[in-house]
Amino acid sequence: MDLFDDGTDPWQEFALYLTRRTPVGSLILRGNHATRFAQDDQLIEAEFYPSFRPGTYAYLGAGVSTEHDLYPDYRLAFDLYQSLGRGFEVSGGARYLAFEEGIEIYVGTLSKYLGNWMLTGKVYHVPAEGDLDSTSYHGGFRRYFGGDGTSYVGVTYSHGFSREIRAAVDLTTLNSDTVRGEFDVLSGQRLRIFGTAATSRGERENRPVLWQTTLTAGVSVQF
């Protein structure tokens, strides 16, 4: 849920997903429902994380919308990850969002693992004309814990786009600064609880600065 200080109605988004681990990587099927600007839309997505060899894996994503109002007609995503040794990992990829005019997005990430800590820097670049031609920067850390080392808490700072760009509204803020906290905790053998809380200060042309609060929460059950 996204809340605003200027009286704009809250934006809401719900997701239901199913994950299947395969011998070559995890497969995720996800259904999203968004309500914004008195409009509704759905996005059906599939994501795959194939592993090619130790230290080399990829992310493949594709999605189609039903109404084409909030989400693009379809979206494609690809990242390739490579371990560099000494705890470093690098990735590069691209996104394509099929609105009336297609949007191309390029992304690069560098991560460093230090014991139970992961430090990450990420850059998104949108090559376009006018205000849409932009670059956003993200930096943060996670602290892993728990018996299997998969539970974590983390903090991220972003300048520019505040999150992964998946919908039209994610491209609207010209200049913003965002601080986000996140957690993902394994409870028992099968239940995971996760969530985020973020606050953003966004600049707008000829309009007052907009403060936005974003809250997410969810649970997943492993079978």
C-alpha atoms as a PDB file:
ATOM      1  CA  MET A   1       0.000   0.000   0.000  1.00  0.00           C
ATOM      2  CA  ASP A   2       1.192   3.517  -0.883  1.00  0.00           C
ATOM      3  CA  LEU A   3       0.017   6.498   1.191  1.00  0.00           C
ATOM      4  CA  PHE A   4       0.473  10.188   0.256  1.00  0.00           C
ATOM      5  CA  ASP A   5       0.501  13.451   2.207  1.00  0.00           C
ATOM      6  CA  ASP A   6      -1.403  15.473  -0.429  1.00  0.00           C
ATOM      7  CA  GLY A   7      -4.759  13.731  -0.111  1.00  0.00           C
ATOM      8  CA  THR A   8      -4.232  11.366  -3.056  1.00  0.00           C
ATOM      9  CA  ASP A   9      -6.173   8.147  -2.555  1.00  0.00           C
ATOM     10  CA  PRO A  10      -3.960   5.252  -1.428  1.00  0.00           C
ATOM     11  CA  TRP A  11      -2.578   2.904  -4.066  1.00  0.00           C
ATOM     12  CA  GLN A  12      -3.048  -0.776  -3.337  1.00  0.00           C
ATOM     13  CA  GLU A  13      -1.483  -3.882  -4.831  1.00  0.00           C
ATOM     14  CA  PHE A  14      -1.975  -7.549  -3.943  1.00  0.00           C
ATOM     15  CA  ALA A  15       0.020 -10.544  -5.117  1.00  0.00           C
ATOM     16  CA  LEU A  16      -0.391 -14.312  -4.942  1.00  0.00           C
ATOM     17  CA  TYR A  17       2.467 -16.527  -6.044  1.00  0.00           C
ATOM     18  CA  LEU A  18       3.540 -20.146  -6.291  1.00  0.00           C
ATOM     19  CA  THR A  19       7.201 -21.228  -6.251  1.00  0.00           C
ATOM     20  CA  ARG A  20       8.569 -24.550  -7.490  1.00  0.00           C
ATOM     21  CA  ARG A  21      12.172 -25.609  -6.976  1.00  0.00           C
ATOM     22  CA  THR A  22      13.550 -27.594  -9.906  1.00  0.00           C
ATOM     23  CA  PRO A  23      16.941 -29.276 -10.445  1.00  0.00           C
ATOM     24  CA  VAL A  24      18.107 -26.295 -12.528  1.00  0.00           C
ATOM     25  CA  GLY A  25      16.563 -23.418 -10.565  1.00  0.00           C
ATOM     26  CA  SER A  26      13.455 -21.933  -8.975  1.00  0.00           C
ATOM     27  CA  LEU A  27      10.293 -21.182 -10.984  1.00  0.00           C
ATOM     28  CA  ILE A  28       7.808 -18.583  -9.705  1.00  0.00           C
ATOM     29  CA  LEU A  29       4.279 -17.916 -10.979  1.00  0.00           C
ATOM     30  CA  ARG A  30       2.701 -14.690  -9.676  1.00  0.00           C
ATOM     31  CA  GLY A  31      -0.608 -12.911 -10.045  1.00  0.00           C
ATOM     32  CA  ASN A  32      -0.772  -9.171  -9.206  1.00  0.00           C
ATOM     33  CA  HIS A  33      -3.825  -6.958  -8.751  1.00  0.00           C
ATOM     34  CA  ALA A  34      -3.388  -3.163  -8.552  1.00  0.00           C
ATOM     35  CA  THR A  35      -5.894  -0.421  -7.707  1.00  0.00           C
ATOM     36  CA  ARG A  36      -4.765   3.125  -8.515  1.00  0.00           C
ATOM     37  CA  PHE A  37      -6.452   6.280  -9.806  1.00  0.00           C
ATOM     38  CA  ALA A  38      -9.870   4.518  -9.540  1.00  0.00           C
ATOM     39  CA  GLN A  39      -8.583   1.937 -12.026  1.00  0.00           C
ATOM     40  CA  ASP A  40      -7.885  -1.764 -11.642  1.00  0.00           C
ATOM     41  CA  ASP A  41      -5.443  -3.960 -13.511  1.00  0.00           C
ATOM     42  CA  GLN A  42      -3.902  -7.417 -13.244  1.00  0.00           C
ATOM     43  CA  LEU A  43      -0.446  -8.659 -14.186  1.00  0.00           C
ATOM     44  CA  ILE A  44       0.324 -12.362 -14.597  1.00  0.00           C
ATOM     45  CA  GLU A  45       4.057 -13.124 -14.345  1.00  0.00           C
ATOM     46  CA  ALA A  46       6.476 -16.023 -14.571  1.00  0.00           C
ATOM     47  CA  GLU A  47      10.045 -15.844 -13.233  1.00  0.00           C
ATOM     48  CA  PHE A  48      12.832 -18.392 -13.533  1.00  0.00           C
ATOM     49  CA  TYR A  49      16.254 -18.493 -11.855  1.00  0.00           C
ATOM     50  CA  PRO A  50      18.337 -21.036 -13.816  1.00  0.00           C
ATOM     51  CA  SER A  51      21.786 -22.000 -12.535  1.00  0.00           C
ATOM     52  CA  PHE A  52      24.406 -22.725 -15.190  1.00  0.00           C
ATOM     53  CA  ARG A  53      27.401 -23.575 -13.015  1.00  0.00           C
ATOM     54  CA  PRO A  54      28.674 -22.727  -9.509  1.00  0.00           C
ATOM     55  CA  GLY A  55      28.729 -18.929  -9.260  1.00  0.00           C
ATOM     56  CA  THR A  56      26.775 -18.295 -12.484  1.00  0.00           C
ATOM     57  CA  TYR A  57      23.005 -17.990 -12.666  1.00  0.00           C
ATOM     58  CA  ALA A  58      20.326 -15.850 -14.310  1.00  0.00           C
ATOM     59  CA  TYR A  59      16.951 -14.263 -13.760  1.00  0.00           C
ATOM     60  CA  LEU A  60      14.322 -14.488 -16.519  1.00  0.00           C
ATOM     61  CA  GLY A  61      10.943 -12.788 -16.189  1.00  0.00           C
ATOM     62  CA  ALA A  62       7.885 -12.246 -18.372  1.00  0.00           C
ATOM     63  CA  GLY A  63       4.440 -10.871 -17.645  1.00  0.00           C
ATOM     64  CA  VAL A  64       1.207  -9.839 -19.380  1.00  0.00           C
ATOM     65  CA  SER A  65      -1.561  -7.563 -18.122  1.00  0.00           C
ATOM     66  CA  THR A  66      -5.286  -7.996 -18.535  1.00  0.00           C
ATOM     67  CA  GLU A  67      -6.541  -4.385 -18.753  1.00  0.00           C
ATOM     68  CA  HIS A  68      -3.378  -2.545 -19.901  1.00  0.00           C
ATOM     69  CA  ASP A  69      -4.309   0.454 -17.735  1.00  0.00           C
ATOM     70  CA  LEU A  70      -1.716   0.411 -14.947  1.00  0.00           C
ATOM     71  CA  TYR A  71       0.662  -2.341 -15.997  1.00  0.00           C
ATOM     72  CA  PRO A  72       2.314  -2.544 -19.431  1.00  0.00           C
ATOM     73  CA  ASP A  73       0.741  -4.759 -22.096  1.00  0.00           C
ATOM     74  CA  TYR A  74       3.654  -7.059 -21.369  1.00  0.00           C
ATOM     75  CA  ARG A  75       7.027  -6.904 -19.650  1.00  0.00           C
ATOM     76  CA  LEU A  76      10.281  -8.804 -20.153  1.00  0.00           C
ATOM     77  CA  ALA A  77      13.253  -8.974 -17.788  1.00  0.00           C
ATOM     78  CA  PHE A  78      16.692 -10.571 -17.796  1.00  0.00           C
ATOM     79  CA  ASP A  79      19.685 -10.493 -15.428  1.00  0.00           C
ATOM     80  CA  LEU A  80      22.911 -12.511 -15.491  1.00  0.00           C
ATOM     81  CA  TYR A  81      24.774 -12.989 -12.188  1.00  0.00           C
ATOM     82  CA  GLN A  82      28.444 -13.922 -11.838  1.00  0.00           C
ATOM     83  CA  SER A  83      30.550 -14.521  -8.754  1.00  0.00           C
ATOM     84  CA  LEU A  84      33.954 -12.804  -8.943  1.00  0.00           C
ATOM     85  CA  GLY A  85      35.518 -14.422  -5.894  1.00  0.00           C
ATOM     86  CA  ARG A  86      36.482 -12.810  -2.575  1.00  0.00           C
ATOM     87  CA  GLY A  87      32.779 -12.367  -1.794  1.00  0.00           C
ATOM     88  CA  PHE A  88      31.986 -10.165  -4.814  1.00  0.00           C
ATOM     89  CA  GLU A  89      29.085 -10.756  -7.201  1.00  0.00           C
ATOM     90  CA  VAL A  90      28.188  -8.690 -10.254  1.00  0.00           C
ATOM     91  CA  SER A  91      25.087  -8.688 -12.444  1.00  0.00           C
ATOM     92  CA  GLY A  92      23.781  -6.900 -15.507  1.00  0.00           C
ATOM     93  CA  GLY A  93      20.443  -7.000 -17.254  1.00  0.00           C
ATOM     94  CA  ALA A  94      17.598  -5.243 -18.987  1.00  0.00           C
ATOM     95  CA  ARG A  95      13.858  -4.682 -18.743  1.00  0.00           C
ATOM     96  CA  TYR A  96      11.319  -3.932 -21.467  1.00  0.00           C
ATOM     97  CA  LEU A  97       7.879  -2.476 -20.664  1.00  0.00           C
ATOM     98  CA  ALA A  98       5.405  -2.479 -23.555  1.00  0.00           C
ATOM     99  CA  PHE A  99       3.332   0.655 -23.016  1.00  0.00           C
ATOM    100  CA  GLU A 100       2.066   2.703 -25.994  1.00  0.00           C
ATOM    101  CA  GLU A 101       5.727   3.614 -26.366  1.00  0.00           C
ATOM    102  CA  GLY A 102       8.086   0.864 -25.264  1.00  0.00           C
ATOM    103  CA  ILE A 103      10.371   1.610 -22.309  1.00  0.00           C
ATOM    104  CA  GLU A 104      13.839   0.064 -22.114  1.00  0.00           C
ATOM    105  CA  ILE A 105      15.603  -0.106 -18.752  1.00  0.00           C
ATOM    106  CA  TYR A 106      19.162  -1.273 -18.079  1.00  0.00           C
ATOM    107  CA  VAL A 107      20.331  -2.383 -14.655  1.00  0.00           C
ATOM    108  CA  GLY A 108      23.697  -3.200 -13.093  1.00  0.00           C
ATOM    109  CA  THR A 109      24.442  -4.511  -9.600  1.00  0.00           C
ATOM    110  CA  LEU A 110      27.573  -5.081  -7.507  1.00  0.00           C
ATOM    111  CA  SER A 111      27.321  -6.988  -4.217  1.00  0.00           C
ATOM    112  CA  LYS A 112      29.862  -7.848  -1.547  1.00  0.00           C
ATOM    113  CA  TYR A 113      29.381 -10.590   1.051  1.00  0.00           C
ATOM    114  CA  LEU A 114      31.099 -10.132   4.415  1.00  0.00           C
ATOM    115  CA  GLY A 115      30.268 -13.008   6.731  1.00  0.00           C
ATOM    116  CA  ASN A 116      26.532 -12.688   7.434  1.00  0.00           C
ATOM    117  CA  TRP A 117      26.324  -9.273   5.728  1.00  0.00           C
ATOM    118  CA  MET A 118      25.556  -8.410   2.104  1.00  0.00           C
ATOM    119  CA  LEU A 119      26.341  -4.899   0.779  1.00  0.00           C
ATOM    120  CA  THR A 120      24.738  -3.981  -2.543  1.00  0.00           C
ATOM    121  CA  GLY A 121      24.863  -1.112  -5.025  1.00  0.00           C
ATOM    122  CA  LYS A 122      22.481  -0.989  -7.992  1.00  0.00           C
ATOM    123  CA  VAL A 123      21.970   1.394 -10.932  1.00  0.00           C
ATOM    124  CA  TYR A 124      18.925   1.684 -13.222  1.00  0.00           C
ATOM    125  CA  HIS A 125      19.163   3.660 -16.467  1.00  0.00           C
ATOM    126  CA  VAL A 126      16.225   4.594 -18.697  1.00  0.00           C
ATOM    127  CA  PRO A 127      17.383   5.884 -22.113  1.00  0.00           C
ATOM    128  CA  ALA A 128      14.631   8.148 -23.432  1.00  0.00           C
ATOM    129  CA  GLU A 129      13.819  11.687 -24.464  1.00  0.00           C
ATOM    130  CA  GLY A 130      13.023  14.432 -21.975  1.00  0.00           C
ATOM    131  CA  ASP A 131      12.352  13.757 -18.304  1.00  0.00           C
ATOM    132  CA  LEU A 132      12.101   9.991 -18.760  1.00  0.00           C
ATOM    133  CA  ASP A 133      15.816   9.809 -19.598  1.00  0.00           C
ATOM    134  CA  SER A 134      17.120   9.188 -16.124  1.00  0.00           C
ATOM    135  CA  THR A 135      19.381   7.169 -13.866  1.00  0.00           C
ATOM    136  CA  SER A 136      18.561   5.997 -10.356  1.00  0.00           C
ATOM    137  CA  TYR A 137      20.966   4.746  -7.701  1.00  0.00           C
ATOM    138  CA  HIS A 138      20.339   2.263  -4.896  1.00  0.00           C
ATOM    139  CA  GLY A 139      22.604   1.208  -2.035  1.00  0.00           C
ATOM    140  CA  GLY A 140      21.981  -0.872   1.051  1.00  0.00           C
ATOM    141  CA  PHE A 141      22.757  -3.869   3.176  1.00  0.00           C
ATOM    142  CA  ARG A 142      21.219  -7.057   4.536  1.00  0.00           C
ATOM    143  CA  ARG A 143      22.084  -8.970   7.694  1.00  0.00           C
ATOM    144  CA  TYR A 144      21.361 -12.696   7.390  1.00  0.00           C
ATOM    145  CA  PHE A 145      20.630 -14.847  10.415  1.00  0.00           C
ATOM    146  CA  GLY A 146      18.858 -18.019  11.503  1.00  0.00           C
ATOM    147  CA  GLY A 147      19.729 -21.680  11.374  1.00  0.00           C
ATOM    148  CA  ASP A 148      19.723 -21.903   7.580  1.00  0.00           C
ATOM    149  CA  GLY A 149      21.018 -18.348   7.014  1.00  0.00           C
ATOM    150  CA  THR A 150      18.112 -17.280   4.774  1.00  0.00           C
ATOM    151  CA  SER A 151      16.295 -14.937   7.177  1.00  0.00           C
ATOM    152  CA  TYR A 152      17.391 -11.303   6.986  1.00  0.00           C
ATOM    153  CA  VAL A 153      16.764  -7.670   7.850  1.00  0.00           C
ATOM    154  CA  GLY A 154      17.969  -4.838   5.653  1.00  0.00           C
ATOM    155  CA  VAL A 155      17.983  -1.136   4.842  1.00  0.00           C
ATOM    156  CA  THR A 156      18.180   0.523   1.407  1.00  0.00           C
ATOM    157  CA  TYR A 157      18.624   4.136   0.277  1.00  0.00           C
ATOM    158  CA  SER A 158      17.541   5.117  -3.249  1.00  0.00           C
ATOM    159  CA  HIS A 159      17.914   8.302  -5.275  1.00  0.00           C
ATOM    160  CA  GLY A 160      15.658   8.393  -8.315  1.00  0.00           C
ATOM    161  CA  PHE A 161      13.126   5.641  -8.899  1.00  0.00           C
ATOM    162  CA  SER A 162      12.325   4.122  -5.531  1.00  0.00           C
ATOM    163  CA  ARG A 163      11.872   0.484  -6.588  1.00  0.00           C
ATOM    164  CA  GLU A 164      11.923  -2.075  -9.372  1.00  0.00           C
ATOM    165  CA  ILE A 165      10.085  -0.485 -12.318  1.00  0.00           C
ATOM    166  CA  ARG A 166       7.057  -2.611 -13.215  1.00  0.00           C
ATOM    167  CA  ALA A 167       4.174  -0.185 -13.807  1.00  0.00           C
ATOM    168  CA  ALA A 168       3.487   3.230 -15.332  1.00  0.00           C
ATOM    169  CA  VAL A 169       3.381   5.039 -11.982  1.00  0.00           C
ATOM    170  CA  ASP A 170       6.887   3.803 -11.136  1.00  0.00           C
ATOM    171  CA  LEU A 171       8.217   6.104 -13.874  1.00  0.00           C
ATOM    172  CA  THR A 172       6.490   9.330 -12.778  1.00  0.00           C
ATOM    173  CA  THR A 173       8.723  10.716 -10.025  1.00  0.00           C
ATOM    174  CA  LEU A 174      11.454  12.979 -11.413  1.00  0.00           C
ATOM    175  CA  ASN A 175      13.687  13.271  -8.342  1.00  0.00           C
ATOM    176  CA  SER A 176      13.109  11.349  -5.142  1.00  0.00           C
ATOM    177  CA  ASP A 177      14.988  10.075  -2.120  1.00  0.00           C
ATOM    178  CA  THR A 178      13.770   6.896  -0.445  1.00  0.00           C
ATOM    179  CA  VAL A 179      14.745   4.998   2.690  1.00  0.00           C
ATOM    180  CA  ARG A 180      13.401   1.458   2.989  1.00  0.00           C
ATOM    181  CA  GLY A 181      13.590  -1.175   5.713  1.00  0.00           C
ATOM    182  CA  GLU A 182      12.843  -4.819   4.971  1.00  0.00           C
ATOM    183  CA  PHE A 183      12.698  -8.198   6.671  1.00  0.00           C
ATOM    184  CA  ASP A 184      12.157 -11.823   5.658  1.00  0.00           C
ATOM    185  CA  VAL A 185      12.042 -14.367   8.484  1.00  0.00           C
ATOM    186  CA  LEU A 186      11.615 -18.143   8.460  1.00  0.00           C
ATOM    187  CA  SER A 187       9.202 -19.183  11.225  1.00  0.00           C
ATOM    188  CA  GLY A 188       9.260 -22.901  11.941  1.00  0.00           C
ATOM    189  CA  GLN A 189       9.879 -25.277   9.068  1.00  0.00           C
ATOM    190  CA  ARG A 190       7.508 -23.968   6.400  1.00  0.00           C
ATOM    191  CA  LEU A 191       6.263 -20.439   7.137  1.00  0.00           C
ATOM    192  CA  ARG A 192       8.040 -17.268   6.022  1.00  0.00           C
ATOM    193  CA  ILE A 193       6.934 -13.784   7.080  1.00  0.00           C
ATOM    194  CA  PHE A 194       8.175 -10.763   5.129  1.00  0.00           C
ATOM    195  CA  GLY A 195       7.525  -7.073   4.758  1.00  0.00           C
ATOM    196  CA  THR A 196       8.892  -3.612   3.968  1.00  0.00           C
ATOM    197  CA  ALA A 197       8.344  -0.044   5.145  1.00  0.00           C
ATOM    198  CA  ALA A 198       9.597   2.924   3.123  1.00  0.00           C
ATOM    199  CA  THR A 199       9.323   6.689   3.060  1.00  0.00           C
ATOM    200  CA  SER A 200      10.021   8.797  -0.048  1.00  0.00           C
ATOM    201  CA  ARG A 201      10.442  12.512  -0.666  1.00  0.00           C
ATOM    202  CA  GLY A 202       9.608  13.257  -4.305  1.00  0.00           C
ATOM    203  CA  GLU A 203       9.948  16.463  -6.297  1.00  0.00           C
ATOM    204  CA  ARG A 204       7.282  17.403  -8.867  1.00  0.00           C
ATOM    205  CA  GLU A 205       7.199  20.082 -11.543  1.00  0.00           C
ATOM    206  CA  ASN A 206       5.295  23.202 -10.403  1.00  0.00           C
ATOM    207  CA  ARG A 207       3.844  21.305  -7.433  1.00  0.00           C
ATOM    208  CA  PRO A 208       4.828  20.906  -3.761  1.00  0.00           C
ATOM    209  CA  VAL A 209       7.139  18.140  -2.663  1.00  0.00           C
ATOM    210  CA  LEU A 210       5.280  14.844  -2.193  1.00  0.00           C
ATOM    211  CA  TRP A 211       5.886  12.530   0.759  1.00  0.00           C
ATOM    212  CA  GLN A 212       4.988   8.902   0.100  1.00  0.00           C
ATOM    213  CA  THR A 213       4.845   6.026   2.589  1.00  0.00           C
ATOM    214  CA  THR A 214       4.927   2.465   1.265  1.00  0.00           C
ATOM    215  CA  LEU A 215       4.027  -0.568   3.365  1.00  0.00           C
ATOM    216  CA  THR A 216       4.082  -4.211   2.281  1.00  0.00           C
ATOM    217  CA  ALA A 217       3.530  -7.426   4.206  1.00  0.00           C
ATOM    218  CA  GLY A 218       3.054 -11.068   3.334  1.00  0.00           C
ATOM    219  CA  VAL A 219       3.456 -14.691   4.249  1.00  0.00           C
ATOM    220  CA  SER A 220       4.545 -17.732   2.272  1.00  0.00           C
ATOM    221  CA  VAL A 221       4.066 -21.417   3.057  1.00  0.00           C
ATOM    222  CA  GLN A 222       6.528 -24.056   1.876  1.00  0.00           C
ATOM    223  CA  PHE A 223       5.060 -27.435   0.905  1.00  0.00           C
END
